[in-house]
Amino acid sequence: MYPNERLNMAQKNVTLSLDENIYDNYKEFCKKNAIALSRSIEVFMEEKTKKGEK
């Protein structure tokens, strides 16, 4: 996917239940590394579905 393709995609808001400590640690990790938290989760989901992993 090219960067401009992402701009045309519809966005979906979701609610997740996550371990609070894991979420807080990951949120801080993303902040320190200038990573968009939601995009990093999106990339994880894309990679899992492309690989067909469980």
PDB file of N, CA and C in Angstrom:
ATOM      1  N   MET A   1       0.840  -1.180   0.000  1.00  0.00           N
ATOM      2  CA  MET A   1       0.000   0.000   0.000  1.00  0.00           C
ATOM      3  C   MET A   1       0.884   1.243   0.000  1.00  0.00           C
ATOM      4  N   TYR A   2       0.538   2.185  -0.825  1.00  0.00           N
ATOM      5  CA  TYR A   2       1.271   3.431  -0.893  1.00  0.00           C
ATOM      6  C   TYR A   2       0.716   4.393   0.152  1.00  0.00           C
ATOM      7  N   PRO A   3       1.540   5.297   0.686  1.00  0.00           N
ATOM      8  CA  PRO A   3       1.079   6.221   1.737  1.00  0.00           C
ATOM      9  C   PRO A   3      -0.187   6.982   1.380  1.00  0.00           C
ATOM     10  N   ASN A   4      -0.332   7.406   0.118  1.00  0.00           N
ATOM     11  CA  ASN A   4      -1.516   8.166  -0.277  1.00  0.00           C
ATOM     12  C   ASN A   4      -2.774   7.318  -0.314  1.00  0.00           C
ATOM     13  N   GLU A   5      -2.630   6.016  -0.498  1.00  0.00           N
ATOM     14  CA  GLU A   5      -3.797   5.131  -0.521  1.00  0.00           C
ATOM     15  C   GLU A   5      -4.496   5.136   0.830  1.00  0.00           C
ATOM     16  N   ARG A   6      -3.739   5.237   1.893  1.00  0.00           N
ATOM     17  CA  ARG A   6      -4.293   5.204   3.235  1.00  0.00           C
ATOM     18  C   ARG A   6      -5.232   6.379   3.484  1.00  0.00           C
ATOM     19  N   LEU A   7      -4.986   7.504   2.826  1.00  0.00           N
ATOM     20  CA  LEU A   7      -5.806   8.688   3.022  1.00  0.00           C
ATOM     21  C   LEU A   7      -7.235   8.480   2.527  1.00  0.00           C
ATOM     22  N   ASN A   8      -7.424   7.596   1.578  1.00  0.00           N
ATOM     23  CA  ASN A   8      -8.741   7.361   1.000  1.00  0.00           C
ATOM     24  C   ASN A   8      -9.519   6.258   1.717  1.00  0.00           C
ATOM     25  N   MET A   9      -8.918   5.637   2.707  1.00  0.00           N
ATOM     26  CA  MET A   9      -9.575   4.532   3.396  1.00  0.00           C
ATOM     27  C   MET A   9     -10.452   5.064   4.522  1.00  0.00           C
ATOM     28  N   ALA A  10     -11.599   4.439   4.726  1.00  0.00           N
ATOM     29  CA  ALA A  10     -12.488   4.815   5.819  1.00  0.00           C
ATOM     30  C   ALA A  10     -11.871   4.385   7.144  1.00  0.00           C
ATOM     31  N   GLN A  11     -12.072   5.181   8.148  1.00  0.00           N
ATOM     32  CA  GLN A  11     -11.568   4.874   9.481  1.00  0.00           C
ATOM     33  C   GLN A  11     -12.699   4.319  10.342  1.00  0.00           C
ATOM     34  N   LYS A  12     -12.361   3.409  11.226  1.00  0.00           N
ATOM     35  CA  LYS A  12     -13.339   2.775  12.114  1.00  0.00           C
ATOM     36  C   LYS A  12     -12.871   2.969  13.546  1.00  0.00           C
ATOM     37  N   ASN A  13     -13.711   3.517  14.396  1.00  0.00           N
ATOM     38  CA  ASN A  13     -13.405   3.624  15.816  1.00  0.00           C
ATOM     39  C   ASN A  13     -13.810   2.328  16.497  1.00  0.00           C
ATOM     40  N   VAL A  14     -12.936   1.819  17.367  1.00  0.00           N
ATOM     41  CA  VAL A  14     -13.215   0.578  18.079  1.00  0.00           C
ATOM     42  C   VAL A  14     -12.927   0.764  19.568  1.00  0.00           C
ATOM     43  N   THR A  15     -13.549  -0.075  20.368  1.00  0.00           N
ATOM     44  CA  THR A  15     -13.303  -0.100  21.800  1.00  0.00           C
ATOM     45  C   THR A  15     -12.670  -1.438  22.136  1.00  0.00           C
ATOM     46  N   LEU A  16     -11.558  -1.400  22.849  1.00  0.00           N
ATOM     47  CA  LEU A  16     -10.836  -2.611  23.219  1.00  0.00           C
ATOM     48  C   LEU A  16     -10.692  -2.686  24.732  1.00  0.00           C
ATOM     49  N   SER A  17     -10.628  -3.893  25.245  1.00  0.00           N
ATOM     50  CA  SER A  17     -10.307  -4.104  26.655  1.00  0.00           C
ATOM     51  C   SER A  17      -8.889  -4.651  26.705  1.00  0.00           C
ATOM     52  N   LEU A  18      -7.994  -3.880  27.323  1.00  0.00           N
ATOM     53  CA  LEU A  18      -6.586  -4.251  27.387  1.00  0.00           C
ATOM     54  C   LEU A  18      -6.102  -4.150  28.825  1.00  0.00           C
ATOM     55  N   ASP A  19      -5.071  -4.918  29.123  1.00  0.00           N
ATOM     56  CA  ASP A  19      -4.426  -4.788  30.427  1.00  0.00           C
ATOM     57  C   ASP A  19      -3.909  -3.356  30.553  1.00  0.00           C
ATOM     58  N   GLU A  20      -4.253  -2.702  31.638  1.00  0.00           N
ATOM     59  CA  GLU A  20      -3.915  -1.289  31.813  1.00  0.00           C
ATOM     60  C   GLU A  20      -2.408  -1.040  31.777  1.00  0.00           C
ATOM     61  N   ASN A  21      -1.630  -1.875  32.433  1.00  0.00           N
ATOM     62  CA  ASN A  21      -0.179  -1.691  32.457  1.00  0.00           C
ATOM     63  C   ASN A  21       0.432  -1.886  31.077  1.00  0.00           C
ATOM     64  N   ILE A  22      -0.022  -2.896  30.360  1.00  0.00           N
ATOM     65  CA  ILE A  22       0.488  -3.137  29.011  1.00  0.00           C
ATOM     66  C   ILE A  22       0.147  -1.956  28.111  1.00  0.00           C
ATOM     67  N   TYR A  23      -1.081  -1.487  28.194  1.00  0.00           N
ATOM     68  CA  TYR A  23      -1.502  -0.344  27.382  1.00  0.00           C
ATOM     69  C   TYR A  23      -0.665   0.891  27.705  1.00  0.00           C
ATOM     70  N   ASP A  24      -0.516   1.191  28.987  1.00  0.00           N
ATOM     71  CA  ASP A  24       0.248   2.371  29.394  1.00  0.00           C
ATOM     72  C   ASP A  24       1.698   2.285  28.935  1.00  0.00           C
ATOM     73  N   ASN A  25       2.300   1.109  29.083  1.00  0.00           N
ATOM     74  CA  ASN A  25       3.686   0.925  28.651  1.00  0.00           C
ATOM     75  C   ASN A  25       3.824   1.088  27.139  1.00  0.00           C
ATOM     76  N   TYR A  26       2.884   0.516  26.393  1.00  0.00           N
ATOM     77  CA  TYR A  26       2.939   0.615  24.940  1.00  0.00           C
ATOM     78  C   TYR A  26       2.681   2.044  24.478  1.00  0.00           C
ATOM     79  N   LYS A  27       1.753   2.701  25.120  1.00  0.00           N
ATOM     80  CA  LYS A  27       1.458   4.099  24.789  1.00  0.00           C
ATOM     81  C   LYS A  27       2.704   4.965  25.001  1.00  0.00           C
ATOM     82  N   GLU A  28       3.405   4.757  26.102  1.00  0.00           N
ATOM     83  CA  GLU A  28       4.632   5.506  26.391  1.00  0.00           C
ATOM     84  C   GLU A  28       5.727   5.160  25.380  1.00  0.00           C
ATOM     85  N   PHE A  29       5.835   3.879  25.037  1.00  0.00           N
ATOM     86  CA  PHE A  29       6.793   3.433  24.019  1.00  0.00           C
ATOM     87  C   PHE A  29       6.534   4.158  22.705  1.00  0.00           C
ATOM     88  N   CYS A  30       5.283   4.212  22.287  1.00  0.00           N
ATOM     89  CA  CYS A  30       4.929   4.882  21.037  1.00  0.00           C
ATOM     90  C   CYS A  30       5.261   6.369  21.106  1.00  0.00           C
ATOM     91  N   LYS A  31       4.969   6.976  22.233  1.00  0.00           N
ATOM     92  CA  LYS A  31       5.245   8.403  22.398  1.00  0.00           C
ATOM     93  C   LYS A  31       6.745   8.683  22.298  1.00  0.00           C
ATOM     94  N   LYS A  32       7.555   7.889  22.976  1.00  0.00           N
ATOM     95  CA  LYS A  32       9.012   8.084  22.967  1.00  0.00           C
ATOM     96  C   LYS A  32       9.617   7.849  21.588  1.00  0.00           C
ATOM     97  N   ASN A  33       8.983   6.989  20.792  1.00  0.00           N
ATOM     98  CA  ASN A  33       9.516   6.633  19.482  1.00  0.00           C
ATOM     99  C   ASN A  33       8.768   7.282  18.326  1.00  0.00           C
ATOM    100  N   ALA A  34       7.944   8.267  18.641  1.00  0.00           N
ATOM    101  CA  ALA A  34       7.181   9.008  17.627  1.00  0.00           C
ATOM    102  C   ALA A  34       6.399   8.073  16.708  1.00  0.00           C
ATOM    103  N   ILE A  35       5.702   7.132  17.328  1.00  0.00           N
ATOM    104  CA  ILE A  35       4.896   6.156  16.596  1.00  0.00           C
ATOM    105  C   ILE A  35       3.429   6.430  16.918  1.00  0.00           C
ATOM    106  N   ALA A  36       2.591   6.443  15.895  1.00  0.00           N
ATOM    107  CA  ALA A  36       1.149   6.580  16.119  1.00  0.00           C
ATOM    108  C   ALA A  36       0.628   5.244  16.650  1.00  0.00           C
ATOM    109  N   LEU A  37       0.126   5.245  17.864  1.00  0.00           N
ATOM    110  CA  LEU A  37      -0.344   4.021  18.513  1.00  0.00           C
ATOM    111  C   LEU A  37      -1.363   3.296  17.650  1.00  0.00           C
ATOM    112  N   SER A  38      -2.362   3.981  17.169  1.00  0.00           N
ATOM    113  CA  SER A  38      -3.400   3.317  16.377  1.00  0.00           C
ATOM    114  C   SER A  38      -2.834   2.740  15.079  1.00  0.00           C
ATOM    115  N   ARG A  39      -1.919   3.462  14.457  1.00  0.00           N
ATOM    116  CA  ARG A  39      -1.323   2.961  13.207  1.00  0.00           C
ATOM    117  C   ARG A  39      -0.470   1.722  13.480  1.00  0.00           C
ATOM    118  N   SER A  40       0.234   1.694  14.608  1.00  0.00           N
ATOM    119  CA  SER A  40       1.061   0.527  14.917  1.00  0.00           C
ATOM    120  C   SER A  40       0.192  -0.713  15.128  1.00  0.00           C
ATOM    121  N   ILE A  41      -0.970  -0.544  15.714  1.00  0.00           N
ATOM    122  CA  ILE A  41      -1.901  -1.666  15.889  1.00  0.00           C
ATOM    123  C   ILE A  41      -2.465  -2.083  14.534  1.00  0.00           C
ATOM    124  N   GLU A  42      -2.743  -1.110  13.700  1.00  0.00           N
ATOM    125  CA  GLU A  42      -3.231  -1.381  12.346  1.00  0.00           C
ATOM    126  C   GLU A  42      -2.208  -2.198  11.545  1.00  0.00           C
ATOM    127  N   VAL A  43      -0.941  -1.817  11.630  1.00  0.00           N
ATOM    128  CA  VAL A  43       0.124  -2.540  10.930  1.00  0.00           C
ATOM    129  C   VAL A  43       0.217  -3.970  11.468  1.00  0.00           C
ATOM    130  N   PHE A  44       0.144  -4.137  12.779  1.00  0.00           N
ATOM    131  CA  PHE A  44       0.163  -5.469  13.389  1.00  0.00           C
ATOM    132  C   PHE A  44      -0.970  -6.324  12.818  1.00  0.00           C
ATOM    133  N   MET A  45      -2.160  -5.765  12.733  1.00  0.00           N
ATOM    134  CA  MET A  45      -3.307  -6.494  12.217  1.00  0.00           C
ATOM    135  C   MET A  45      -3.124  -6.857  10.746  1.00  0.00           C
ATOM    136  N   GLU A  46      -2.588  -5.922   9.963  1.00  0.00           N
ATOM    137  CA  GLU A  46      -2.333  -6.183   8.540  1.00  0.00           C
ATOM    138  C   GLU A  46      -1.350  -7.338   8.377  1.00  0.00           C
ATOM    139  N   GLU A  47      -0.258  -7.294   9.145  1.00  0.00           N
ATOM    140  CA  GLU A  47       0.759  -8.337   9.043  1.00  0.00           C
ATOM    141  C   GLU A  47       0.208  -9.703   9.445  1.00  0.00           C
ATOM    142  N   LYS A  48      -0.565  -9.750  10.507  1.00  0.00           N
ATOM    143  CA  LYS A  48      -1.150 -11.019  10.966  1.00  0.00           C
ATOM    144  C   LYS A  48      -2.085 -11.602   9.915  1.00  0.00           C
ATOM    145  N   THR A  49      -2.924 -10.751   9.321  1.00  0.00           N
ATOM    146  CA  THR A  49      -3.886 -11.273   8.352  1.00  0.00           C
ATOM    147  C   THR A  49      -3.222 -11.664   7.034  1.00  0.00           C
ATOM    148  N   LYS A  50      -2.168 -10.951   6.648  1.00  0.00           N
ATOM    149  CA  LYS A  50      -1.442 -11.325   5.411  1.00  0.00           C
ATOM    150  C   LYS A  50      -0.739 -12.664   5.564  1.00  0.00           C
ATOM    151  N   LYS A  51      -0.199 -12.902   6.748  1.00  0.00           N
ATOM    152  CA  LYS A  51       0.518 -14.144   7.015  1.00  0.00           C
ATOM    153  C   LYS A  51      -0.422 -15.306   7.342  1.00  0.00           C
ATOM    154  N   GLY A  52      -1.665 -14.993   7.634  1.00  0.00           N
ATOM    155  CA  GLY A  52      -2.623 -16.023   8.004  1.00  0.00           C
ATOM    156  C   GLY A  52      -2.348 -16.615   9.373  1.00  0.00           C
ATOM    157  N   GLU A  53      -1.679 -15.848  10.228  1.00  0.00           N
ATOM    158  CA  GLU A  53      -1.354 -16.318  11.582  1.00  0.00           C
ATOM    159  C   GLU A  53      -2.578 -16.333  12.467  1.00  0.00           C
ATOM    160  N   LYS A  54      -2.488 -17.189  13.472  1.00  0.00           N
ATOM    161  CA  LYS A  54      -3.557 -17.247  14.473  1.00  0.00           C
ATOM    162  C   LYS A  54      -3.118 -16.575  15.731  1.00  0.00           C
TER     163      LYS A  54
END
